[in-house]
Structure formats: C-alpha cells, structure tokens
C-alpha cells in the first residue's frame, strides 16, 4: 500500500465510513477478506439492497458475488475511487449525496449511473456501466412506469 492509501484507510476508519461498511457487511452476512489498496472485500452479501454488482462504504466493498468477482483490476480501481470519495467527503455524508446524484441521473437519462458525478469520477466504464444520453423527462417517466407494469405479479 502507498502512504496515501494508508492515509485513506485510517481516515475512513476515523470518519466511521469503514465501520459502517463493516456493520452493513455483517448484517448482510458477508464473508470478509483483505483486498488490495487498503480495501476489504465483503463477499456473499445477502441483502437485496442496493441492487448492484458491488458497492462501497468507506474501505469496504460489498458484493453478492464470490471473491473471484474482484479479479478484475478495473473494477477494483473503480471501487477504490469510491473509497477516496468517502475520505474526501469526511465519511457518511457521501451516502445521501450519492442517492441524490443517482436520482438526478435517473431523471436525466433513465439510468442512475450515467450522469451521477460519483460514478463518472470513479470511471463509468471501469465500473461496468454503459453511459446513456440525456433524454426528455417524459421518456424517463414512461420507461419507469412501463418497467413497473411488465414486472410479474406476486403469487
């Protein structure tokens, strides 16, 4: 680890974002392991929210997938950039700011990542995202409601 990665590791512990990530991982019954760059992987996360291949809280990267999912160096770089965002925003304020950014991105493009500055700064492509163009809000609303209608009904 570099000196700056140590600074981020300690900073995200002190600002409680890594502690929060560990608590979420425990609640989600994940299995923890050390990763590179001062990250911790929490694999086998069992809660259904958020809907993502992986998500980061502090220096903890949570995923429903197994450890092999993080064999992709680009994905690890993407998630490490998110850990830097927690450091720069002094921890947990990142969460509500991320939610607002995701909602705005969804309203603009129909996709929560495309215009989300946190995802763009973490590199959309390395995170496995496809950039969607800005579209009229009416199209976004139509897509959202048609997605709800096409969902299967309960038992």
N, C-alpha and C. Protein backbone atom coordinates (compact mmCIF):
# COMPACT_ATOMS: atom_id res chain seq x y z
N UNK A 1 0.84 -1.19 0.00
CA UNK A 1 0.00 0.00 0.00
C UNK A 1 0.88 1.24 0.00
N UNK A 2 0.40 2.25 -0.68
CA UNK A 2 1.13 3.52 -0.69
C UNK A 2 0.83 4.29 0.60
N UNK A 3 1.62 5.32 0.84
CA UNK A 3 1.38 6.17 2.03
C UNK A 3 0.00 6.80 1.96
N UNK A 4 -0.43 7.24 0.79
CA UNK A 4 -1.75 7.86 0.65
C UNK A 4 -2.87 6.85 0.89
N UNK A 5 -2.66 5.61 0.48
CA UNK A 5 -3.68 4.59 0.75
C UNK A 5 -3.79 4.32 2.25
N UNK A 6 -2.66 4.41 2.98
CA UNK A 6 -2.71 4.30 4.43
C UNK A 6 -3.49 5.46 5.04
N UNK A 7 -3.25 6.66 4.51
CA UNK A 7 -3.98 7.83 5.00
C UNK A 7 -5.49 7.63 4.80
N UNK A 8 -5.87 7.13 3.63
CA UNK A 8 -7.29 6.89 3.34
C UNK A 8 -7.84 5.80 4.25
N UNK A 9 -7.07 4.74 4.47
CA UNK A 9 -7.51 3.65 5.33
C UNK A 9 -7.79 4.16 6.75
N UNK A 10 -6.88 4.91 7.29
CA UNK A 10 -7.05 5.45 8.64
C UNK A 10 -8.17 6.49 8.67
N UNK A 11 -8.18 7.38 7.67
CA UNK A 11 -9.21 8.43 7.60
C UNK A 11 -10.61 7.86 7.52
N UNK A 12 -10.81 6.84 6.70
CA UNK A 12 -12.14 6.25 6.57
C UNK A 12 -12.54 5.43 7.79
N UNK A 13 -11.55 4.97 8.55
CA UNK A 13 -11.87 4.33 9.83
C UNK A 13 -12.31 5.40 10.83
N UNK A 14 -11.57 6.50 10.89
CA UNK A 14 -11.88 7.57 11.85
C UNK A 14 -13.19 8.28 11.52
N UNK A 15 -13.51 8.43 10.21
CA UNK A 15 -14.78 9.10 9.87
C UNK A 15 -15.97 8.14 9.93
N UNK A 16 -15.71 6.91 10.35
CA UNK A 16 -16.71 5.87 10.61
C UNK A 16 -17.33 5.25 9.36
N UNK A 17 -16.90 5.65 8.17
CA UNK A 17 -17.49 5.06 6.97
C UNK A 17 -17.08 3.59 6.82
N UNK A 18 -15.83 3.26 7.12
CA UNK A 18 -15.42 1.86 7.04
C UNK A 18 -16.11 1.03 8.12
N UNK A 19 -16.29 1.61 9.29
CA UNK A 19 -17.01 0.92 10.37
C UNK A 19 -18.45 0.65 9.91
N UNK A 20 -19.09 1.64 9.28
CA UNK A 20 -20.45 1.46 8.77
C UNK A 20 -20.48 0.37 7.70
N UNK A 21 -19.48 0.36 6.82
CA UNK A 21 -19.40 -0.68 5.79
C UNK A 21 -19.28 -2.06 6.40
N UNK A 22 -18.50 -2.18 7.47
CA UNK A 22 -18.35 -3.47 8.15
C UNK A 22 -19.68 -3.90 8.79
N UNK A 23 -20.39 -2.95 9.39
CA UNK A 23 -21.69 -3.27 10.00
C UNK A 23 -22.68 -3.74 8.94
N UNK A 24 -22.72 -3.05 7.79
CA UNK A 24 -23.61 -3.46 6.70
C UNK A 24 -23.24 -4.86 6.22
N UNK A 25 -21.94 -5.12 6.11
CA UNK A 25 -21.49 -6.45 5.69
C UNK A 25 -21.90 -7.54 6.67
N UNK A 26 -21.79 -7.26 7.96
CA UNK A 26 -22.21 -8.23 8.97
C UNK A 26 -23.71 -8.46 8.89
N UNK A 27 -24.49 -7.37 8.77
CA UNK A 27 -25.95 -7.51 8.64
C UNK A 27 -26.32 -8.30 7.39
N UNK A 28 -25.53 -8.13 6.33
CA UNK A 28 -25.78 -8.85 5.08
C UNK A 28 -25.14 -10.23 5.04
N UNK A 29 -24.60 -10.67 6.17
CA UNK A 29 -23.99 -12.00 6.30
C UNK A 29 -22.91 -12.25 5.26
N UNK A 30 -22.09 -11.24 5.00
CA UNK A 30 -21.00 -11.36 4.03
C UNK A 30 -19.77 -11.99 4.68
N UNK A 31 -18.90 -12.51 3.85
CA UNK A 31 -17.62 -13.06 4.28
C UNK A 31 -16.54 -12.03 3.96
N UNK A 32 -15.74 -11.67 4.95
CA UNK A 32 -14.75 -10.60 4.79
C UNK A 32 -13.37 -11.15 4.45
N UNK A 33 -12.66 -10.37 3.63
CA UNK A 33 -11.26 -10.68 3.34
C UNK A 33 -10.54 -9.38 3.00
N UNK A 34 -9.21 -9.39 3.15
CA UNK A 34 -8.41 -8.22 2.78
C UNK A 34 -8.28 -8.18 1.28
N UNK A 35 -8.39 -6.98 0.75
CA UNK A 35 -8.16 -6.76 -0.67
C UNK A 35 -6.95 -5.88 -0.85
N UNK A 36 -6.65 -5.50 -2.08
CA UNK A 36 -5.53 -4.61 -2.33
C UNK A 36 -5.91 -3.16 -2.01
N UNK A 37 -4.92 -2.27 -2.00
CA UNK A 37 -5.13 -0.83 -1.91
C UNK A 37 -5.84 -0.38 -0.63
N UNK A 38 -5.73 -1.18 0.41
CA UNK A 38 -6.38 -0.83 1.68
C UNK A 38 -7.86 -1.13 1.71
N UNK A 39 -8.33 -1.92 0.78
CA UNK A 39 -9.75 -2.27 0.73
C UNK A 39 -10.01 -3.59 1.46
N UNK A 40 -11.25 -3.75 1.88
CA UNK A 40 -11.72 -5.01 2.43
C UNK A 40 -12.89 -5.46 1.56
N UNK A 41 -12.91 -6.73 1.21
CA UNK A 41 -14.00 -7.28 0.41
C UNK A 41 -14.98 -7.99 1.33
N UNK A 42 -16.25 -7.74 1.12
CA UNK A 42 -17.32 -8.41 1.85
C UNK A 42 -18.17 -9.13 0.81
N UNK A 43 -17.85 -10.39 0.60
CA UNK A 43 -18.49 -11.17 -0.46
C UNK A 43 -19.62 -12.03 0.09
N UNK A 44 -20.56 -12.38 -0.79
CA UNK A 44 -21.69 -13.18 -0.39
C UNK A 44 -22.74 -12.36 0.35
N UNK A 45 -22.75 -11.04 0.13
CA UNK A 45 -23.71 -10.13 0.75
C UNK A 45 -25.12 -10.57 0.36
N UNK A 46 -25.99 -10.79 1.34
CA UNK A 46 -27.28 -11.42 1.08
C UNK A 46 -28.49 -10.50 1.09
N UNK A 47 -28.33 -9.23 1.47
CA UNK A 47 -29.48 -8.33 1.45
C UNK A 47 -29.74 -7.89 0.02
N UNK A 48 -30.97 -7.64 -0.33
CA UNK A 48 -31.33 -7.30 -1.71
C UNK A 48 -31.10 -5.85 -2.10
N UNK A 49 -30.69 -5.03 -1.14
CA UNK A 49 -30.50 -3.60 -1.44
C UNK A 49 -29.10 -3.19 -1.04
N UNK A 50 -28.43 -2.39 -1.81
CA UNK A 50 -28.85 -1.88 -3.11
C UNK A 50 -28.67 -2.93 -4.21
N UNK A 51 -29.31 -2.66 -5.33
CA UNK A 51 -29.20 -3.56 -6.47
C UNK A 51 -27.95 -3.14 -7.25
N UNK A 52 -26.88 -3.83 -7.03
CA UNK A 52 -25.61 -3.52 -7.70
C UNK A 52 -24.71 -4.74 -7.63
N UNK A 53 -23.81 -4.86 -8.59
CA UNK A 53 -22.85 -5.95 -8.55
C UNK A 53 -21.92 -5.80 -7.35
N UNK A 54 -21.60 -4.55 -7.04
CA UNK A 54 -20.76 -4.24 -5.88
C UNK A 54 -21.06 -2.81 -5.46
N UNK A 55 -20.86 -2.52 -4.20
CA UNK A 55 -20.98 -1.14 -3.72
C UNK A 55 -20.02 -0.96 -2.56
N UNK A 56 -19.58 0.26 -2.40
CA UNK A 56 -18.54 0.57 -1.43
C UNK A 56 -19.07 1.47 -0.33
N UNK A 57 -18.70 1.16 0.90
CA UNK A 57 -18.96 2.04 2.04
C UNK A 57 -17.62 2.15 2.78
N UNK A 58 -17.04 3.32 2.75
CA UNK A 58 -15.71 3.51 3.32
C UNK A 58 -14.70 2.70 2.52
N UNK A 59 -13.95 1.85 3.18
CA UNK A 59 -12.98 0.99 2.51
C UNK A 59 -13.50 -0.43 2.36
N UNK A 60 -14.80 -0.64 2.59
CA UNK A 60 -15.40 -1.96 2.47
C UNK A 60 -16.18 -2.03 1.15
N UNK A 61 -15.82 -3.00 0.33
CA UNK A 61 -16.50 -3.22 -0.94
C UNK A 61 -17.37 -4.45 -0.77
N UNK A 62 -18.68 -4.25 -0.86
CA UNK A 62 -19.64 -5.33 -0.63
C UNK A 62 -20.16 -5.86 -1.96
N UNK A 63 -20.36 -7.18 -2.02
CA UNK A 63 -20.86 -7.78 -3.25
C UNK A 63 -21.58 -9.08 -2.93
N UNK A 64 -22.62 -9.37 -3.71
CA UNK A 64 -23.31 -10.65 -3.56
C UNK A 64 -22.49 -11.78 -4.19
N UNK A 65 -21.51 -11.42 -4.99
CA UNK A 65 -20.68 -12.40 -5.70
C UNK A 65 -19.58 -12.94 -4.80
N UNK A 66 -18.87 -13.97 -5.29
CA UNK A 66 -17.74 -14.50 -4.53
C UNK A 66 -16.48 -13.67 -4.78
N UNK A 67 -15.42 -14.00 -4.11
CA UNK A 67 -14.17 -13.22 -4.15
C UNK A 67 -13.62 -13.10 -5.57
N UNK A 68 -13.82 -14.10 -6.41
CA UNK A 68 -13.30 -14.08 -7.79
C UNK A 68 -13.87 -12.91 -8.59
N UNK A 69 -15.01 -12.37 -8.17
CA UNK A 69 -15.60 -11.21 -8.84
C UNK A 69 -14.63 -10.04 -8.88
N UNK A 70 -13.75 -9.96 -7.88
CA UNK A 70 -12.80 -8.85 -7.79
C UNK A 70 -11.45 -9.17 -8.43
N UNK A 71 -11.40 -10.19 -9.26
CA UNK A 71 -10.19 -10.48 -10.03
C UNK A 71 -10.03 -9.48 -11.18
N UNK A 72 -11.01 -8.63 -11.38
CA UNK A 72 -10.99 -7.62 -12.43
C UNK A 72 -10.33 -6.35 -11.86
N UNK A 73 -9.08 -6.04 -12.27
CA UNK A 73 -8.38 -4.87 -11.73
C UNK A 73 -9.10 -3.55 -11.98
N UNK A 74 -9.80 -3.43 -13.12
CA UNK A 74 -10.53 -2.19 -13.42
C UNK A 74 -11.64 -1.98 -12.40
N UNK A 75 -12.34 -3.03 -12.05
CA UNK A 75 -13.42 -2.92 -11.07
C UNK A 75 -12.86 -2.53 -9.70
N UNK A 76 -11.73 -3.10 -9.32
CA UNK A 76 -11.11 -2.75 -8.04
C UNK A 76 -10.70 -1.28 -8.04
N UNK A 77 -10.14 -0.79 -9.14
CA UNK A 77 -9.78 0.64 -9.22
C UNK A 77 -11.03 1.51 -9.07
N UNK A 78 -12.11 1.12 -9.75
CA UNK A 78 -13.38 1.85 -9.67
C UNK A 78 -13.86 1.94 -8.22
N UNK A 79 -13.87 0.80 -7.53
CA UNK A 79 -14.35 0.78 -6.15
C UNK A 79 -13.40 1.54 -5.23
N UNK A 80 -12.09 1.48 -5.51
CA UNK A 80 -11.17 2.25 -4.68
C UNK A 80 -11.43 3.75 -4.84
N UNK A 81 -11.78 4.19 -6.04
CA UNK A 81 -12.10 5.61 -6.23
C UNK A 81 -13.29 6.01 -5.36
N UNK A 82 -14.26 5.10 -5.22
CA UNK A 82 -15.38 5.40 -4.32
C UNK A 82 -14.88 5.53 -2.87
N UNK A 83 -13.93 4.70 -2.48
CA UNK A 83 -13.42 4.81 -1.11
C UNK A 83 -12.73 6.16 -0.90
N UNK A 84 -12.08 6.69 -1.94
CA UNK A 84 -11.50 8.04 -1.85
C UNK A 84 -12.59 9.09 -1.73
N UNK A 85 -13.73 8.87 -2.37
CA UNK A 85 -14.84 9.82 -2.27
C UNK A 85 -15.34 9.89 -0.82
N UNK A 86 -15.42 8.76 -0.14
CA UNK A 86 -15.79 8.77 1.28
C UNK A 86 -14.77 9.57 2.08
N UNK A 87 -13.50 9.36 1.80
CA UNK A 87 -12.44 10.08 2.50
C UNK A 87 -12.59 11.59 2.29
N UNK A 88 -12.78 12.00 1.04
CA UNK A 88 -12.86 13.43 0.71
C UNK A 88 -14.12 14.09 1.26
N UNK A 89 -15.20 13.33 1.40
CA UNK A 89 -16.45 13.88 1.92
C UNK A 89 -16.62 13.64 3.42
N UNK A 90 -15.53 13.26 4.07
CA UNK A 90 -15.50 13.05 5.51
C UNK A 90 -16.51 11.98 5.94
N UNK A 91 -16.61 10.94 5.13
CA UNK A 91 -17.37 9.77 5.53
C UNK A 91 -18.79 9.69 5.06
N UNK A 92 -19.68 9.52 6.01
CA UNK A 92 -21.06 9.15 5.72
C UNK A 92 -21.90 10.19 5.00
N UNK A 93 -21.53 11.48 4.93
CA UNK A 93 -22.29 12.39 4.07
C UNK A 93 -22.31 11.93 2.61
N UNK A 94 -21.37 11.06 2.25
CA UNK A 94 -21.34 10.51 0.90
C UNK A 94 -22.65 9.79 0.55
N UNK A 95 -23.23 9.09 1.51
CA UNK A 95 -24.42 8.28 1.22
C UNK A 95 -25.62 9.10 0.73
N UNK A 96 -26.07 10.13 1.46
CA UNK A 96 -27.21 10.89 0.93
C UNK A 96 -26.86 11.67 -0.34
N UNK A 97 -25.61 12.13 -0.45
CA UNK A 97 -25.21 12.83 -1.67
C UNK A 97 -25.23 11.88 -2.86
N UNK A 98 -24.81 10.65 -2.66
CA UNK A 98 -24.83 9.65 -3.73
C UNK A 98 -26.28 9.37 -4.15
N UNK A 99 -27.18 9.24 -3.19
CA UNK A 99 -28.59 8.96 -3.51
C UNK A 99 -29.18 10.09 -4.34
N UNK A 100 -28.93 11.34 -3.94
CA UNK A 100 -29.43 12.49 -4.71
C UNK A 100 -28.85 12.45 -6.13
N UNK A 101 -27.55 12.18 -6.25
CA UNK A 101 -26.91 12.13 -7.57
C UNK A 101 -27.51 11.01 -8.43
N UNK A 102 -27.81 9.88 -7.83
CA UNK A 102 -28.40 8.76 -8.57
C UNK A 102 -29.81 9.10 -9.06
N UNK A 103 -30.59 9.77 -8.22
CA UNK A 103 -31.95 10.17 -8.61
C UNK A 103 -31.90 11.17 -9.76
N UNK A 104 -31.03 12.17 -9.65
CA UNK A 104 -30.90 13.17 -10.72
C UNK A 104 -30.44 12.49 -12.01
N UNK A 105 -29.48 11.60 -11.92
CA UNK A 105 -29.01 10.88 -13.11
C UNK A 105 -30.14 10.07 -13.73
N UNK A 106 -30.94 9.40 -12.88
CA UNK A 106 -32.06 8.62 -13.40
C UNK A 106 -33.07 9.52 -14.11
N UNK A 107 -33.38 10.65 -13.52
CA UNK A 107 -34.35 11.56 -14.15
C UNK A 107 -33.83 12.09 -15.49
N UNK A 108 -32.52 12.31 -15.59
CA UNK A 108 -31.94 12.84 -16.82
C UNK A 108 -31.76 11.80 -17.92
N UNK A 109 -31.47 10.55 -17.51
CA UNK A 109 -31.07 9.55 -18.50
C UNK A 109 -31.84 8.23 -18.43
N UNK A 110 -32.60 8.03 -17.36
CA UNK A 110 -33.24 6.74 -17.17
C UNK A 110 -32.29 5.72 -16.55
N UNK A 111 -31.11 6.18 -16.12
CA UNK A 111 -30.08 5.31 -15.55
C UNK A 111 -29.45 6.01 -14.34
N UNK A 112 -29.35 5.33 -13.20
CA UNK A 112 -28.83 6.00 -12.01
C UNK A 112 -27.33 6.30 -12.03
N UNK A 113 -26.58 5.77 -12.99
CA UNK A 113 -25.13 5.98 -13.00
C UNK A 113 -24.65 6.97 -14.06
N UNK A 114 -25.32 7.06 -15.19
CA UNK A 114 -24.79 7.79 -16.35
C UNK A 114 -24.40 9.24 -16.07
N UNK A 115 -25.20 9.97 -15.33
CA UNK A 115 -24.89 11.37 -15.02
C UNK A 115 -24.62 11.57 -13.53
N UNK A 116 -24.38 10.49 -12.83
CA UNK A 116 -24.04 10.54 -11.42
C UNK A 116 -22.57 10.93 -11.31
N UNK A 117 -22.26 12.10 -10.75
CA UNK A 117 -20.85 12.52 -10.71
C UNK A 117 -19.95 11.57 -9.93
N UNK A 118 -20.49 10.87 -8.94
CA UNK A 118 -19.67 9.92 -8.18
C UNK A 118 -19.25 8.74 -9.07
N UNK A 119 -20.17 8.26 -9.88
CA UNK A 119 -19.83 7.16 -10.79
C UNK A 119 -18.94 7.64 -11.92
N UNK A 120 -19.18 8.83 -12.42
CA UNK A 120 -18.36 9.36 -13.50
C UNK A 120 -16.92 9.58 -13.03
N UNK A 121 -16.75 10.11 -11.80
CA UNK A 121 -15.41 10.32 -11.27
C UNK A 121 -14.71 9.00 -10.93
N UNK A 122 -15.49 7.96 -10.67
CA UNK A 122 -14.90 6.64 -10.40
C UNK A 122 -14.63 5.88 -11.70
N UNK A 123 -15.02 6.43 -12.83
CA UNK A 123 -14.87 5.88 -14.18
C UNK A 123 -15.99 4.88 -14.47
N UNK A 124 -16.99 5.37 -15.20
CA UNK A 124 -18.16 4.55 -15.53
C UNK A 124 -17.77 3.21 -16.14
N UNK A 125 -16.90 3.27 -17.13
CA UNK A 125 -16.54 2.06 -17.88
C UNK A 125 -15.86 1.03 -16.96
N UNK A 126 -14.95 1.49 -16.10
CA UNK A 126 -14.27 0.54 -15.21
C UNK A 126 -15.24 -0.07 -14.20
N UNK A 127 -16.32 0.64 -13.91
CA UNK A 127 -17.34 0.10 -13.02
C UNK A 127 -18.34 -0.80 -13.72
N UNK A 128 -18.17 -0.97 -15.04
CA UNK A 128 -19.07 -1.83 -15.81
C UNK A 128 -20.34 -1.15 -16.27
N UNK A 129 -20.36 0.19 -16.23
CA UNK A 129 -21.54 0.93 -16.64
C UNK A 129 -21.47 1.34 -18.11
N UNK A 130 -22.61 1.44 -18.72
CA UNK A 130 -22.73 1.97 -20.07
C UNK A 130 -23.33 3.36 -19.95
N UNK A 131 -22.72 4.34 -20.58
CA UNK A 131 -23.23 5.70 -20.49
C UNK A 131 -24.46 5.88 -21.38
N UNK A 132 -25.52 6.40 -20.79
CA UNK A 132 -26.76 6.67 -21.52
C UNK A 132 -26.88 8.17 -21.75
N UNK A 133 -27.41 8.58 -22.90
CA UNK A 133 -27.54 10.02 -23.17
C UNK A 133 -28.68 10.64 -22.36
N UNK A 134 -28.61 11.95 -22.22
CA UNK A 134 -29.72 12.68 -21.60
C UNK A 134 -30.94 12.55 -22.50
N UNK A 135 -32.09 12.38 -21.88
CA UNK A 135 -33.33 12.20 -22.64
C UNK A 135 -34.43 13.05 -22.02
N UNK A 136 -35.50 13.30 -22.75
CA UNK A 136 -36.62 14.06 -22.18
C UNK A 136 -37.19 13.33 -20.95
N UNK A 137 -37.57 14.10 -19.96
CA UNK A 137 -38.07 13.52 -18.70
C UNK A 137 -39.31 12.65 -18.95
N UNK A 138 -40.11 13.02 -19.94
CA UNK A 138 -41.29 12.23 -20.26
C UNK A 138 -40.93 10.81 -20.66
N UNK A 139 -39.84 10.65 -21.38
CA UNK A 139 -39.37 9.32 -21.78
C UNK A 139 -38.93 8.53 -20.55
N UNK A 140 -38.25 9.20 -19.63
CA UNK A 140 -37.81 8.53 -18.40
C UNK A 140 -39.01 8.05 -17.60
N UNK A 141 -40.02 8.90 -17.46
CA UNK A 141 -41.22 8.53 -16.70
C UNK A 141 -41.93 7.36 -17.38
N UNK A 142 -42.06 7.42 -18.70
CA UNK A 142 -42.70 6.34 -19.45
C UNK A 142 -41.95 5.03 -19.25
N UNK A 143 -40.61 5.07 -19.32
CA UNK A 143 -39.80 3.87 -19.12
C UNK A 143 -39.99 3.31 -17.71
N UNK A 144 -40.03 4.20 -16.73
CA UNK A 144 -40.16 3.75 -15.35
C UNK A 144 -41.50 3.06 -15.14
N UNK A 145 -42.58 3.64 -15.68
CA UNK A 145 -43.90 3.05 -15.49
C UNK A 145 -44.08 1.79 -16.31
N UNK A 146 -43.50 1.73 -17.50
CA UNK A 146 -43.63 0.51 -18.30
C UNK A 146 -42.84 -0.62 -17.65
N UNK A 147 -41.74 -0.30 -16.97
CA UNK A 147 -40.98 -1.31 -16.23
C UNK A 147 -41.78 -1.86 -15.07
N UNK A 148 -42.54 -1.01 -14.41
CA UNK A 148 -43.38 -1.46 -13.30
C UNK A 148 -44.51 -2.36 -13.79
N UNK A 149 -45.10 -1.99 -14.93
CA UNK A 149 -46.21 -2.77 -15.46
C UNK A 149 -45.77 -4.14 -15.94
N UNK A 150 -44.53 -4.25 -16.45
CA UNK A 150 -44.08 -5.52 -17.00
C UNK A 150 -43.55 -6.48 -15.94
N UNK A 151 -43.46 -6.03 -14.69
CA UNK A 151 -43.00 -6.92 -13.62
C UNK A 151 -44.06 -7.96 -13.33
N UNK A 152 -43.64 -9.19 -13.07
CA UNK A 152 -44.63 -10.24 -12.76
C UNK A 152 -45.32 -9.96 -11.42
N UNK A 153 -46.55 -10.31 -11.35
CA UNK A 153 -47.33 -10.14 -10.12
C UNK A 153 -46.93 -11.24 -9.12
N UNK A 154 -47.21 -10.98 -7.85
CA UNK A 154 -46.89 -11.94 -6.80
C UNK A 154 -47.72 -13.21 -6.93
N UNK A 155 -47.47 -14.18 -6.02
CA UNK A 155 -48.17 -15.48 -6.09
C UNK A 155 -49.65 -15.41 -5.90
